[in-house]
Amino acid sequence: MHLTFPMSLRRKKRTRRTSYARPTTLKRRSVSKKRTLGRTKKANTNRNPLSTRKKRQRSRGISGLWYRVRRPLLLIIIGVITLAIVNTLFLTNKLNIKTIDIYEDGIFNSNNEIQTLLSSLIDSNIILLKTNELEPYLKEQFPQYESLKIEKNLPDTIIVTVENYPIVAELTIETLDGAEQKFYLSSSGKTIEYDENALLQEYLQITTETDQSVSIGSDIMTQEKLGFILEAIQSYEDRFGMKVLHAKYFQIEHETHLWTERNFYVWLDMTIDLDSQLNKLKKALPKLDIYESDLEYIDLRIEGINGEKVIYK
């Protein structure tokens, strides 16, 4: 028997309820294939006939070839440049020394002893010349020069520039037989040829005695002793307002005597401080009138107990 329940008694099917709303799936906007294909086709009409793939393959082939050949090519270029440099510097005579120019006190001198000494350098390579070793050698061989410098004037010329010591005095040499010799005296204490007709400035006068012959380039005194004499002349004139006509140098005694315009000598010891000797005379002025007294000499060499002893005649 089949039973039929009323509709009201039938169990209703429960529907699930959720506390949230199910998200709605967004539909992507589709692009029409026809439109896309149309664009692609249109873009392709403006490109190079070669495909992008073929272009990439060709580019890779060119870069790969350059990578393989660039190192050997670079080595070849370096080798060629090196051979050219070596040939220019050492295998040809383009850089061989052909001329040696000497400039003395800014004037070109074609007849200098240095040029004769350096003549052996002719036809040698100018690049290989070591000037830093040659300069000290030349300074030792030619001490009469105050400065000496060597320069390379490529491709084939050596320039030697020398400066002489300046002239500081006129020197009169008195020999035992009564003869006299005149020289110029450089700041190094060496004699220089004297020219009576030369229009040079007025120099300080120094005299000395010797029993030996004196020639050009002779060492008469050291630079220290010459400096003492020159300073003594200048200091005496500045302190006492009296001109010194000449100074007489005594080598053995280590003394210098200043001959003043008042016709008396001032004796100085070159081994004692100059200022201390002249200060003694300065302090003695109230008792010793050097401007009016008839004096023969003033001896400042003697050191007394208080260091202020002055002897005069």
C-alpha atoms as a PDB file:
ATOM      1  CA  MET A   1       0.000   0.000   0.000  1.00  0.00           C
ATOM      2  CA  HIS A   2       1.312   3.277  -0.878  1.00  0.00           C
ATOM      3  CA  LEU A   3       0.833   6.023   1.598  1.00  0.00           C
ATOM      4  CA  THR A   4       0.637   9.556   0.604  1.00  0.00           C
ATOM      5  CA  PHE A   5       1.417  12.307   3.124  1.00  0.00           C
ATOM      6  CA  PRO A   6      -0.079  15.660   2.894  1.00  0.00           C
ATOM      7  CA  MET A   7       2.089  18.399   1.621  1.00  0.00           C
ATOM      8  CA  SER A   8       2.095  20.115   4.980  1.00  0.00           C
ATOM      9  CA  LEU A   9       3.550  17.087   6.691  1.00  0.00           C
ATOM     10  CA  ARG A  10       6.413  16.633   4.285  1.00  0.00           C
ATOM     11  CA  ARG A  11       9.861  17.525   5.633  1.00  0.00           C
ATOM     12  CA  LYS A  12      11.193  20.544   4.015  1.00  0.00           C
ATOM     13  CA  LYS A  13      14.732  20.473   2.735  1.00  0.00           C
ATOM     14  CA  ARG A  14      16.874  22.920   4.621  1.00  0.00           C
ATOM     15  CA  THR A  15      18.852  25.372   2.699  1.00  0.00           C
ATOM     16  CA  ARG A  16      22.308  26.377   3.992  1.00  0.00           C
ATOM     17  CA  ARG A  17      22.736  29.865   4.992  1.00  0.00           C
ATOM     18  CA  THR A  18      26.029  31.561   5.215  1.00  0.00           C
ATOM     19  CA  SER A  19      26.883  34.657   7.121  1.00  0.00           C
ATOM     20  CA  TYR A  20      28.759  36.151   4.256  1.00  0.00           C
ATOM     21  CA  ALA A  21      28.027  36.834   0.680  1.00  0.00           C
ATOM     22  CA  ARG A  22      29.761  34.660  -1.832  1.00  0.00           C
ATOM     23  CA  PRO A  23      32.175  36.769  -3.874  1.00  0.00           C
ATOM     24  CA  THR A  24      31.190  37.358  -7.363  1.00  0.00           C
ATOM     25  CA  THR A  25      33.770  36.155  -9.884  1.00  0.00           C
ATOM     26  CA  LEU A  26      34.962  38.997 -12.072  1.00  0.00           C
ATOM     27  CA  LYS A  27      35.001  38.183 -15.652  1.00  0.00           C
ATOM     28  CA  ARG A  28      38.088  39.242 -17.514  1.00  0.00           C
ATOM     29  CA  ARG A  29      37.540  41.324 -20.421  1.00  0.00           C
ATOM     30  CA  SER A  30      38.275  39.193 -23.352  1.00  0.00           C
ATOM     31  CA  VAL A  31      40.076  40.598 -26.213  1.00  0.00           C
ATOM     32  CA  SER A  32      38.820  39.715 -29.509  1.00  0.00           C
ATOM     33  CA  LYS A  33      41.175  37.407 -31.336  1.00  0.00           C
ATOM     34  CA  LYS A  34      40.385  39.171 -34.483  1.00  0.00           C
ATOM     35  CA  ARG A  35      41.393  42.474 -32.939  1.00  0.00           C
ATOM     36  CA  THR A  36      44.650  41.069 -31.561  1.00  0.00           C
ATOM     37  CA  LEU A  37      45.504  39.356 -34.775  1.00  0.00           C
ATOM     38  CA  GLY A  38      44.659  42.461 -36.633  1.00  0.00           C
ATOM     39  CA  ARG A  39      47.065  44.525 -34.549  1.00  0.00           C
ATOM     40  CA  THR A  40      49.845  41.983 -34.887  1.00  0.00           C
ATOM     41  CA  LYS A  41      49.430  41.797 -38.546  1.00  0.00           C
ATOM     42  CA  LYS A  42      49.394  45.544 -38.838  1.00  0.00           C
ATOM     43  CA  ALA A  43      52.572  45.888 -36.701  1.00  0.00           C
ATOM     44  CA  ASN A  44      54.401  43.291 -38.710  1.00  0.00           C
ATOM     45  CA  THR A  45      53.858  45.227 -41.894  1.00  0.00           C
ATOM     46  CA  ASN A  46      56.246  47.980 -40.653  1.00  0.00           C
ATOM     47  CA  ARG A  47      59.136  45.695 -39.528  1.00  0.00           C
ATOM     48  CA  ASN A  48      62.264  44.535 -41.359  1.00  0.00           C
ATOM     49  CA  PRO A  49      61.620  41.505 -43.488  1.00  0.00           C
ATOM     50  CA  LEU A  50      64.093  39.519 -41.366  1.00  0.00           C
ATOM     51  CA  SER A  51      62.486  37.999 -38.355  1.00  0.00           C
ATOM     52  CA  THR A  52      63.487  38.929 -34.826  1.00  0.00           C
ATOM     53  CA  ARG A  53      64.893  35.471 -34.288  1.00  0.00           C
ATOM     54  CA  LYS A  54      67.177  35.707 -37.279  1.00  0.00           C
ATOM     55  CA  LYS A  55      68.342  39.119 -36.130  1.00  0.00           C
ATOM     56  CA  ARG A  56      69.210  37.797 -32.717  1.00  0.00           C
ATOM     57  CA  GLN A  57      71.095  34.889 -34.225  1.00  0.00           C
ATOM     58  CA  ARG A  58      73.074  37.230 -36.459  1.00  0.00           C
ATOM     59  CA  SER A  59      73.842  39.587 -33.542  1.00  0.00           C
ATOM     60  CA  ARG A  60      75.068  36.706 -31.438  1.00  0.00           C
ATOM     61  CA  GLY A  61      77.235  35.502 -34.286  1.00  0.00           C
ATOM     62  CA  ILE A  62      78.889  38.896 -34.738  1.00  0.00           C
ATOM     63  CA  SER A  63      79.531  39.371 -31.015  1.00  0.00           C
ATOM     64  CA  GLY A  64      80.912  35.863 -30.716  1.00  0.00           C
ATOM     65  CA  LEU A  65      83.289  36.452 -33.620  1.00  0.00           C
ATOM     66  CA  TRP A  66      84.517  39.739 -32.096  1.00  0.00           C
ATOM     67  CA  TYR A  67      85.062  38.019 -28.739  1.00  0.00           C
ATOM     68  CA  ARG A  68      87.257  35.403 -30.449  1.00  0.00           C
ATOM     69  CA  VAL A  69      89.396  37.810 -32.476  1.00  0.00           C
ATOM     70  CA  ARG A  70      89.708  40.832 -30.206  1.00  0.00           C
ATOM     71  CA  ARG A  71      92.429  39.388 -27.936  1.00  0.00           C
ATOM     72  CA  PRO A  72      94.764  38.277 -30.788  1.00  0.00           C
ATOM     73  CA  LEU A  73      94.110  41.571 -32.567  1.00  0.00           C
ATOM     74  CA  LEU A  74      94.976  43.548 -29.437  1.00  0.00           C
ATOM     75  CA  LEU A  75      98.213  41.592 -28.988  1.00  0.00           C
ATOM     76  CA  ILE A  76      99.176  42.252 -32.583  1.00  0.00           C
ATOM     77  CA  ILE A  77      98.576  46.007 -32.190  1.00  0.00           C
ATOM     78  CA  ILE A  78     100.637  46.129 -28.974  1.00  0.00           C
ATOM     79  CA  GLY A  79     103.447  44.195 -30.640  1.00  0.00           C
ATOM     80  CA  VAL A  80     103.545  46.540 -33.630  1.00  0.00           C
ATOM     81  CA  ILE A  81     103.614  49.620 -31.383  1.00  0.00           C
ATOM     82  CA  THR A  82     106.371  48.100 -29.213  1.00  0.00           C
ATOM     83  CA  LEU A  83     108.532  47.271 -32.241  1.00  0.00           C
ATOM     84  CA  ALA A  84     108.053  50.804 -33.572  1.00  0.00           C
ATOM     85  CA  ILE A  85     109.110  52.328 -30.251  1.00  0.00           C
ATOM     86  CA  VAL A  86     112.142  50.064 -29.890  1.00  0.00           C
ATOM     87  CA  ASN A  87     113.190  50.775 -33.462  1.00  0.00           C
ATOM     88  CA  THR A  88     112.841  54.535 -32.959  1.00  0.00           C
ATOM     89  CA  LEU A  89     114.652  54.641 -29.612  1.00  0.00           C
ATOM     90  CA  PHE A  90     117.433  52.132 -30.030  1.00  0.00           C
ATOM     91  CA  LEU A  91     117.843  50.739 -33.551  1.00  0.00           C
ATOM     92  CA  THR A  92     118.034  53.993 -35.499  1.00  0.00           C
ATOM     93  CA  ASN A  93     120.382  56.962 -35.085  1.00  0.00           C
ATOM     94  CA  LYS A  94     117.594  59.529 -34.917  1.00  0.00           C
ATOM     95  CA  LEU A  95     118.071  59.888 -31.152  1.00  0.00           C
ATOM     96  CA  ASN A  96     121.869  59.858 -31.140  1.00  0.00           C
ATOM     97  CA  ILE A  97     123.607  62.884 -29.661  1.00  0.00           C
ATOM     98  CA  LYS A  98     124.957  65.160 -32.388  1.00  0.00           C
ATOM     99  CA  THR A  99     125.305  68.531 -30.644  1.00  0.00           C
ATOM    100  CA  ILE A 100     126.455  69.709 -27.209  1.00  0.00           C
ATOM    101  CA  ASP A 101     125.618  73.361 -26.491  1.00  0.00           C
ATOM    102  CA  ILE A 102     127.176  75.229 -23.549  1.00  0.00           C
ATOM    103  CA  TYR A 103     125.579  78.379 -22.115  1.00  0.00           C
ATOM    104  CA  GLU A 104     127.742  80.285 -19.634  1.00  0.00           C
ATOM    105  CA  ASP A 105     125.985  83.022 -17.666  1.00  0.00           C
ATOM    106  CA  GLY A 106     123.216  83.001 -20.273  1.00  0.00           C
ATOM    107  CA  ILE A 107     125.606  83.434 -23.217  1.00  0.00           C
ATOM    108  CA  PHE A 108     126.312  80.691 -25.760  1.00  0.00           C
ATOM    109  CA  ASN A 109     129.943  79.554 -25.483  1.00  0.00           C
ATOM    110  CA  SER A 110     131.263  77.422 -28.318  1.00  0.00           C
ATOM    111  CA  ASN A 111     134.725  77.028 -26.778  1.00  0.00           C
ATOM    112  CA  ASN A 112     134.231  75.629 -23.299  1.00  0.00           C
ATOM    113  CA  GLU A 113     136.193  72.957 -21.466  1.00  0.00           C
ATOM    114  CA  ILE A 114     132.980  71.126 -20.657  1.00  0.00           C
ATOM    115  CA  GLN A 115     132.255  70.674 -24.356  1.00  0.00           C
ATOM    116  CA  THR A 116     135.663  69.065 -24.830  1.00  0.00           C
ATOM    117  CA  LEU A 117     135.099  66.714 -21.909  1.00  0.00           C
ATOM    118  CA  LEU A 118     131.660  65.642 -23.156  1.00  0.00           C
ATOM    119  CA  SER A 119     132.765  65.083 -26.765  1.00  0.00           C
ATOM    120  CA  SER A 120     132.882  61.334 -26.092  1.00  0.00           C
ATOM    121  CA  LEU A 121     129.067  61.364 -25.832  1.00  0.00           C
ATOM    122  CA  ILE A 122     128.653  62.189 -29.513  1.00  0.00           C
ATOM    123  CA  ASP A 123     126.700  59.450 -31.392  1.00  0.00           C
ATOM    124  CA  SER A 124     125.519  57.841 -28.151  1.00  0.00           C
ATOM    125  CA  ASN A 125     121.802  57.419 -27.430  1.00  0.00           C
ATOM    126  CA  ILE A 126     120.340  60.502 -25.794  1.00  0.00           C
ATOM    127  CA  ILE A 127     117.593  58.539 -24.021  1.00  0.00           C
ATOM    128  CA  LEU A 128     120.119  56.345 -22.216  1.00  0.00           C
ATOM    129  CA  LEU A 129     122.111  59.341 -20.947  1.00  0.00           C
ATOM    130  CA  LYS A 130     121.757  59.590 -17.148  1.00  0.00           C
ATOM    131  CA  THR A 131     121.963  63.305 -16.407  1.00  0.00           C
ATOM    132  CA  ASN A 132     121.487  62.775 -12.660  1.00  0.00           C
ATOM    133  CA  GLU A 133     124.824  60.916 -12.603  1.00  0.00           C
ATOM    134  CA  LEU A 134     126.647  63.185 -15.048  1.00  0.00           C
ATOM    135  CA  GLU A 135     125.867  66.475 -13.256  1.00  0.00           C
ATOM    136  CA  PRO A 136     127.689  65.623  -9.974  1.00  0.00           C
ATOM    137  CA  TYR A 137     130.705  64.476 -11.985  1.00  0.00           C
ATOM    138  CA  LEU A 138     130.893  67.750 -13.925  1.00  0.00           C
ATOM    139  CA  LYS A 139     130.456  69.807 -10.747  1.00  0.00           C
ATOM    140  CA  GLU A 140     133.416  67.977  -9.259  1.00  0.00           C
ATOM    141  CA  GLN A 141     135.527  68.559 -12.369  1.00  0.00           C
ATOM    142  CA  PHE A 142     134.575  72.250 -12.669  1.00  0.00           C
ATOM    143  CA  PRO A 143     134.227  73.686  -9.142  1.00  0.00           C
ATOM    144  CA  GLN A 144     134.580  77.235 -10.479  1.00  0.00           C
ATOM    145  CA  TYR A 145     130.912  77.219 -11.448  1.00  0.00           C
ATOM    146  CA  GLU A 146     128.293  78.094  -8.876  1.00  0.00           C
ATOM    147  CA  SER A 147     125.611  76.075 -10.671  1.00  0.00           C
ATOM    148  CA  LEU A 148     125.605  73.497 -13.467  1.00  0.00           C
ATOM    149  CA  LYS A 149     122.601  71.884 -15.130  1.00  0.00           C
ATOM    150  CA  ILE A 150     122.244  69.386 -18.002  1.00  0.00           C
ATOM    151  CA  GLU A 151     119.119  69.151 -20.148  1.00  0.00           C
ATOM    152  CA  LYS A 152     118.106  66.933 -23.075  1.00  0.00           C
ATOM    153  CA  ASN A 153     116.741  68.706 -26.132  1.00  0.00           C
ATOM    154  CA  LEU A 154     115.292  65.885 -28.212  1.00  0.00           C
ATOM    155  CA  PRO A 155     116.055  64.451 -30.618  1.00  0.00           C
ATOM    156  CA  ASP A 156     119.841  64.954 -30.657  1.00  0.00           C
ATOM    157  CA  THR A 157     121.057  67.900 -28.537  1.00  0.00           C
ATOM    158  CA  ILE A 158     122.484  68.190 -25.020  1.00  0.00           C
ATOM    159  CA  ILE A 159     122.325  71.619 -23.352  1.00  0.00           C
ATOM    160  CA  VAL A 160     124.664  72.429 -20.459  1.00  0.00           C
ATOM    161  CA  THR A 161     123.915  75.625 -18.538  1.00  0.00           C
ATOM    162  CA  VAL A 162     126.527  76.951 -16.114  1.00  0.00           C
ATOM    163  CA  GLU A 163     126.609  80.013 -13.871  1.00  0.00           C
ATOM    164  CA  ASN A 164     129.867  81.465 -12.574  1.00  0.00           C
ATOM    165  CA  TYR A 165     130.333  82.684  -9.034  1.00  0.00           C
ATOM    166  CA  PRO A 166     129.776  86.459  -9.008  1.00  0.00           C
ATOM    167  CA  ILE A 167     132.708  88.863  -8.762  1.00  0.00           C
ATOM    168  CA  VAL A 168     132.816  90.465  -5.310  1.00  0.00           C
ATOM    169  CA  ALA A 169     136.201  92.234  -5.146  1.00  0.00           C
ATOM    170  CA  GLU A 170     139.341  93.302  -6.938  1.00  0.00           C
ATOM    171  CA  LEU A 171     142.365  91.424  -5.659  1.00  0.00           C
ATOM    172  CA  THR A 172     145.928  92.725  -5.655  1.00  0.00           C
ATOM    173  CA  ILE A 173     148.656  90.125  -5.095  1.00  0.00           C
ATOM    174  CA  GLU A 174     151.937  91.510  -3.711  1.00  0.00           C
ATOM    175  CA  THR A 175     154.918  89.218  -4.165  1.00  0.00           C
ATOM    176  CA  LEU A 176     158.116  89.232  -2.119  1.00  0.00           C
ATOM    177  CA  ASP A 177     160.096  90.834  -4.936  1.00  0.00           C
ATOM    178  CA  GLY A 178     157.738  93.819  -4.999  1.00  0.00           C
ATOM    179  CA  ALA A 179     155.759  92.834  -8.099  1.00  0.00           C
ATOM    180  CA  GLU A 180     151.991  93.039  -8.251  1.00  0.00           C
ATOM    181  CA  GLN A 181     149.308  90.960  -9.900  1.00  0.00           C
ATOM    182  CA  LYS A 182     145.690  91.979 -10.264  1.00  0.00           C
ATOM    183  CA  PHE A 183     142.696  89.676 -10.468  1.00  0.00           C
ATOM    184  CA  TYR A 184     138.998  89.718  -9.886  1.00  0.00           C
ATOM    185  CA  LEU A 185     137.943  87.648  -6.896  1.00  0.00           C
ATOM    186  CA  SER A 186     134.782  85.542  -7.066  1.00  0.00           C
ATOM    187  CA  SER A 187     132.499  84.773  -4.140  1.00  0.00           C
ATOM    188  CA  SER A 188     134.062  81.293  -4.024  1.00  0.00           C
ATOM    189  CA  GLY A 189     137.503  82.767  -3.241  1.00  0.00           C
ATOM    190  CA  LYS A 190     138.959  81.973  -6.674  1.00  0.00           C
ATOM    191  CA  THR A 191     140.830  84.352  -8.949  1.00  0.00           C
ATOM    192  CA  ILE A 192     139.282  85.492 -12.230  1.00  0.00           C
ATOM    193  CA  GLU A 193     141.071  87.170 -15.091  1.00  0.00           C
ATOM    194  CA  TYR A 194     141.280  90.922 -14.578  1.00  0.00           C
ATOM    195  CA  ASP A 195     140.457  93.242 -17.455  1.00  0.00           C
ATOM    196  CA  GLU A 196     141.554  96.837 -17.002  1.00  0.00           C
ATOM    197  CA  ASN A 197     139.378  97.998 -19.905  1.00  0.00           C
ATOM    198  CA  ALA A 198     136.224  96.250 -18.704  1.00  0.00           C
ATOM    199  CA  LEU A 199     133.451  98.628 -17.704  1.00  0.00           C
ATOM    200  CA  LEU A 200     132.536  96.791 -14.524  1.00  0.00           C
ATOM    201  CA  GLN A 201     131.130  98.154 -11.315  1.00  0.00           C
ATOM    202  CA  GLU A 202     133.364  99.412  -8.531  1.00  0.00           C
ATOM    203  CA  TYR A 203     134.362  96.498  -6.322  1.00  0.00           C
ATOM    204  CA  LEU A 204     135.837  96.260  -2.853  1.00  0.00           C
ATOM    205  CA  GLN A 205     139.620  96.224  -2.773  1.00  0.00           C
ATOM    206  CA  ILE A 206     141.498  93.335  -1.123  1.00  0.00           C
ATOM    207  CA  THR A 207     145.269  92.921  -1.025  1.00  0.00           C
ATOM    208  CA  THR A 208     147.400  90.010   0.153  1.00  0.00           C
ATOM    209  CA  GLU A 209     151.011  88.846   0.085  1.00  0.00           C
ATOM    210  CA  THR A 210     152.302  85.521  -1.189  1.00  0.00           C
ATOM    211  CA  ASP A 211     155.555  83.871  -2.126  1.00  0.00           C
ATOM    212  CA  GLN A 212     153.902  81.547  -4.653  1.00  0.00           C
ATOM    213  CA  SER A 213     152.808  82.231  -8.194  1.00  0.00           C
ATOM    214  CA  VAL A 214     149.107  82.884  -8.630  1.00  0.00           C
ATOM    215  CA  SER A 215     147.168  82.080 -11.773  1.00  0.00           C
ATOM    216  CA  ILE A 216     143.574  82.306 -12.923  1.00  0.00           C
ATOM    217  CA  GLY A 217     141.379  79.900 -10.971  1.00  0.00           C
ATOM    218  CA  SER A 218     143.685  79.779  -7.928  1.00  0.00           C
ATOM    219  CA  ASP A 219     142.136  79.404  -4.489  1.00  0.00           C
ATOM    220  CA  ILE A 220     143.178  82.489  -2.542  1.00  0.00           C
ATOM    221  CA  MET A 221     140.930  82.017   0.480  1.00  0.00           C
ATOM    222  CA  THR A 222     137.937  80.015   1.610  1.00  0.00           C
ATOM    223  CA  GLN A 223     134.397  81.295   1.254  1.00  0.00           C
ATOM    224  CA  GLU A 224     134.180  81.668   5.039  1.00  0.00           C
ATOM    225  CA  LYS A 225     137.237  83.923   5.211  1.00  0.00           C
ATOM    226  CA  LEU A 226     136.131  85.957   2.230  1.00  0.00           C
ATOM    227  CA  GLY A 227     132.726  86.343   3.843  1.00  0.00           C
ATOM    228  CA  PHE A 228     134.378  87.575   7.047  1.00  0.00           C
ATOM    229  CA  ILE A 229     136.314  90.269   5.148  1.00  0.00           C
ATOM    230  CA  LEU A 230     133.293  91.480   3.197  1.00  0.00           C
ATOM    231  CA  GLU A 231     131.132  91.597   6.316  1.00  0.00           C
ATOM    232  CA  ALA A 232     133.866  93.395   8.265  1.00  0.00           C
ATOM    233  CA  ILE A 233     134.098  96.139   5.631  1.00  0.00           C
ATOM    234  CA  GLN A 234     130.332  96.625   5.459  1.00  0.00           C
ATOM    235  CA  SER A 235     129.794  96.482   9.227  1.00  0.00           C
ATOM    236  CA  TYR A 236     132.584  98.975   9.992  1.00  0.00           C
ATOM    237  CA  GLU A 237     131.249 101.493   7.464  1.00  0.00           C
ATOM    238  CA  ASP A 238     127.683 101.124   8.779  1.00  0.00           C
ATOM    239  CA  ARG A 239     128.582 101.429  12.467  1.00  0.00           C
ATOM    240  CA  PHE A 240     131.169 104.213  12.328  1.00  0.00           C
ATOM    241  CA  GLY A 241     130.274 106.070   9.135  1.00  0.00           C
ATOM    242  CA  MET A 242     133.834 105.801   7.867  1.00  0.00           C
ATOM    243  CA  LYS A 243     134.764 104.393   4.480  1.00  0.00           C
ATOM    244  CA  VAL A 244     137.136 101.446   4.162  1.00  0.00           C
ATOM    245  CA  LEU A 245     139.478 101.895   1.202  1.00  0.00           C
ATOM    246  CA  HIS A 246     140.822  98.352   1.179  1.00  0.00           C
ATOM    247  CA  ALA A 247     141.303  95.247   3.328  1.00  0.00           C
ATOM    248  CA  LYS A 248     144.587  93.389   3.726  1.00  0.00           C
ATOM    249  CA  TYR A 249     144.371  89.624   4.209  1.00  0.00           C
ATOM    250  CA  PHE A 250     147.001  87.628   6.112  1.00  0.00           C
ATOM    251  CA  GLN A 251     146.603  83.941   5.387  1.00  0.00           C
ATOM    252  CA  ILE A 252     149.031  82.491   7.939  1.00  0.00           C
ATOM    253  CA  GLU A 253     148.033  84.813  10.809  1.00  0.00           C
ATOM    254  CA  HIS A 254     144.272  84.482  10.055  1.00  0.00           C
ATOM    255  CA  GLU A 255     143.888  88.250  10.250  1.00  0.00           C
ATOM    256  CA  THR A 256     142.462  91.051   8.201  1.00  0.00           C
ATOM    257  CA  HIS A 257     143.378  94.745   8.478  1.00  0.00           C
ATOM    258  CA  LEU A 258     140.934  97.401   7.313  1.00  0.00           C
ATOM    259  CA  TRP A 259     142.540 100.532   5.835  1.00  0.00           C
ATOM    260  CA  THR A 260     140.184 103.451   6.494  1.00  0.00           C
ATOM    261  CA  GLU A 261     139.812 106.840   4.843  1.00  0.00           C
ATOM    262  CA  ARG A 262     141.333 108.370   8.026  1.00  0.00           C
ATOM    263  CA  ASN A 263     144.591 106.562   7.120  1.00  0.00           C
ATOM    264  CA  PHE A 264     144.765 104.045   9.931  1.00  0.00           C
ATOM    265  CA  TYR A 265     144.269 100.268  10.102  1.00  0.00           C
ATOM    266  CA  VAL A 266     141.719  98.352  12.173  1.00  0.00           C
ATOM    267  CA  TRP A 267     143.181  94.940  13.045  1.00  0.00           C
ATOM    268  CA  LEU A 268     140.728  92.052  13.285  1.00  0.00           C
ATOM    269  CA  ASP A 269     141.189  88.407  14.225  1.00  0.00           C
ATOM    270  CA  MET A 270     139.307  86.142  11.784  1.00  0.00           C
ATOM    271  CA  THR A 271     138.988  83.381  14.390  1.00  0.00           C
ATOM    272  CA  ILE A 272     137.057  85.610  16.827  1.00  0.00           C
ATOM    273  CA  ASP A 273     133.479  86.797  16.476  1.00  0.00           C
ATOM    274  CA  LEU A 274     133.392  89.980  14.378  1.00  0.00           C
ATOM    275  CA  ASP A 275     130.591  91.698  16.311  1.00  0.00           C
ATOM    276  CA  SER A 276     132.365  91.303  19.641  1.00  0.00           C
ATOM    277  CA  GLN A 277     135.498  93.011  18.240  1.00  0.00           C
ATOM    278  CA  LEU A 278     133.617  95.948  16.696  1.00  0.00           C
ATOM    279  CA  ASN A 279     131.521  96.344  19.870  1.00  0.00           C
ATOM    280  CA  LYS A 280     134.734  96.908  21.837  1.00  0.00           C
ATOM    281  CA  LEU A 281     135.611  99.807  19.555  1.00  0.00           C
ATOM    282  CA  LYS A 282     132.088 101.187  19.841  1.00  0.00           C
ATOM    283  CA  LYS A 283     132.329 101.274  23.635  1.00  0.00           C
ATOM    284  CA  ALA A 284     135.782 102.889  23.487  1.00  0.00           C
ATOM    285  CA  LEU A 285     134.606 105.855  21.376  1.00  0.00           C
ATOM    286  CA  PRO A 286     134.080 108.238  24.328  1.00  0.00           C
ATOM    287  CA  LYS A 287     137.805 107.937  25.165  1.00  0.00           C
ATOM    288  CA  LEU A 288     139.139 107.237  21.668  1.00  0.00           C
ATOM    289  CA  ASP A 289     138.186 109.814  19.063  1.00  0.00           C
ATOM    290  CA  ILE A 290     138.734 107.894  15.819  1.00  0.00           C
ATOM    291  CA  TYR A 291     137.434 110.842  13.759  1.00  0.00           C
ATOM    292  CA  GLU A 292     139.958 113.443  14.949  1.00  0.00           C
ATOM    293  CA  SER A 293     142.878 111.532  16.490  1.00  0.00           C
ATOM    294  CA  ASP A 294     146.007 110.915  14.443  1.00  0.00           C
ATOM    295  CA  LEU A 295     146.092 107.131  14.586  1.00  0.00           C
ATOM    296  CA  GLU A 296     148.309 104.498  13.020  1.00  0.00           C
ATOM    297  CA  TYR A 297     146.269 101.425  13.918  1.00  0.00           C
ATOM    298  CA  ILE A 298     143.607 100.121  16.306  1.00  0.00           C
ATOM    299  CA  ASP A 299     144.098  96.541  17.494  1.00  0.00           C
ATOM    300  CA  LEU A 300     140.836  94.756  18.373  1.00  0.00           C
ATOM    301  CA  ARG A 301     142.340  91.254  18.441  1.00  0.00           C
ATOM    302  CA  ILE A 302     143.404  91.168  22.081  1.00  0.00           C
ATOM    303  CA  GLU A 303     140.897  89.858  24.547  1.00  0.00           C
ATOM    304  CA  GLY A 304     141.250  91.361  28.023  1.00  0.00           C
ATOM    305  CA  ILE A 305     139.828  90.165  31.322  1.00  0.00           C
ATOM    306  CA  ASN A 306     136.493  91.836  30.657  1.00  0.00           C
ATOM    307  CA  GLY A 307     136.747  91.270  26.885  1.00  0.00           C
ATOM    308  CA  GLU A 308     136.826  95.019  26.101  1.00  0.00           C
ATOM    309  CA  LYS A 309     140.540  95.725  25.773  1.00  0.00           C
ATOM    310  CA  VAL A 310     141.434  98.030  22.854  1.00  0.00           C
ATOM    311  CA  ILE A 311     145.045  98.717  21.840  1.00  0.00           C
ATOM    312  CA  TYR A 312     145.837 101.588  19.535  1.00  0.00           C
ATOM    313  CA  LYS A 313     148.722 103.713  18.393  1.00  0.00           C
END
